[in-house]
Every structure is written in C-alpha cells, then in structure tokens.
Amino acid sequence: MTHFQELQLAICFGSAIGLYISGIATLICFAVEGHREKKRKEEAKQDAIEE
C-alpha cells in the first residue's frame, strides 16, 4: 500500500467512526431531552392537581 492509499484509508475510517460516534451522541441527547420534557410535564400536572 502506498503512503497516499494509507492516508485515504485513515481519512475514510476516521470520518466513518466520527459519524458513528456523533450519531450515538445525538441519540443520547434526544433521549435526555425527551426524558426532561416528560418529567417537566408530569411535575406541571402534579402542580395543577395540588392547586
């Protein structure tokens, strides 16, 4: 393998791994945001019931 081919392989592998990791991070962020929203709605509902 030439130096140029090794460089191409490293760039492609790095970008694929970066895309995979960013996809997982995005899923985690959306899950946390959804959980917070659900919890906030439940608390608002409990406050409305108590009043």
Protein backbone atom coordinates (compact mmCIF):
# COMPACT_ATOMS: atom_id res chain seq x y z
CA MET A 1 0.00 0.00 0.00
CA THR A 2 1.35 3.39 -0.89
CA HIS A 3 1.53 6.28 1.53
CA PHE A 4 -1.31 8.03 -0.29
CA GLN A 5 -3.55 4.96 -0.03
CA GLU A 6 -2.82 4.65 3.68
CA LEU A 7 -3.75 8.30 4.13
CA GLN A 8 -7.01 7.80 2.22
CA LEU A 9 -7.86 4.77 4.32
CA ALA A 10 -7.15 6.63 7.56
CA ILE A 11 -9.32 9.58 6.50
CA CYS A 12 -12.22 7.36 5.44
CA PHE A 13 -12.02 5.25 8.58
CA GLY A 14 -11.78 8.35 10.79
CA SER A 15 -14.76 10.01 9.17
CA ALA A 16 -16.86 6.85 9.41
CA ILE A 17 -16.04 6.42 13.09
CA GLY A 18 -16.70 10.12 13.72
CA LEU A 19 -20.09 9.89 12.06
CA TYR A 20 -20.95 6.81 14.10
CA ILE A 21 -19.93 8.46 17.39
CA SER A 22 -21.79 11.68 16.59
CA GLY A 23 -24.91 9.67 15.75
CA ILE A 24 -24.78 7.93 19.11
CA ALA A 25 -24.20 11.26 20.89
CA THR A 26 -27.19 12.77 19.08
CA LEU A 27 -29.42 9.86 20.09
CA ILE A 28 -28.34 10.24 23.71
CA CYS A 29 -29.01 13.99 23.65
CA PHE A 30 -32.50 13.50 22.20
CA ALA A 31 -33.27 10.78 24.76
CA VAL A 32 -32.20 13.01 27.66
CA GLU A 33 -34.18 15.95 26.26
CA GLY A 34 -37.27 13.79 25.87
CA HIS A 35 -36.93 12.46 29.40
CA ARG A 36 -36.59 16.00 30.80
CA GLU A 37 -39.66 17.16 28.88
CA LYS A 38 -41.68 14.20 30.13
CA LYS A 39 -40.60 14.86 33.71
CA ARG A 40 -41.41 18.58 33.37
CA LYS A 41 -44.91 17.79 32.10
CA GLU A 42 -45.52 15.36 34.96
CA GLU A 43 -44.42 17.98 37.50
CA ALA A 44 -46.65 20.61 35.91
CA LYS A 45 -49.56 18.17 36.03
CA GLN A 46 -48.89 17.43 39.72
CA ASP A 47 -48.74 21.18 40.48
CA ALA A 48 -52.07 21.71 38.72
CA ILE A 49 -53.67 18.89 40.72
CA GLU A 50 -52.34 20.23 44.04
CA GLU A 51 -53.69 23.71 43.42
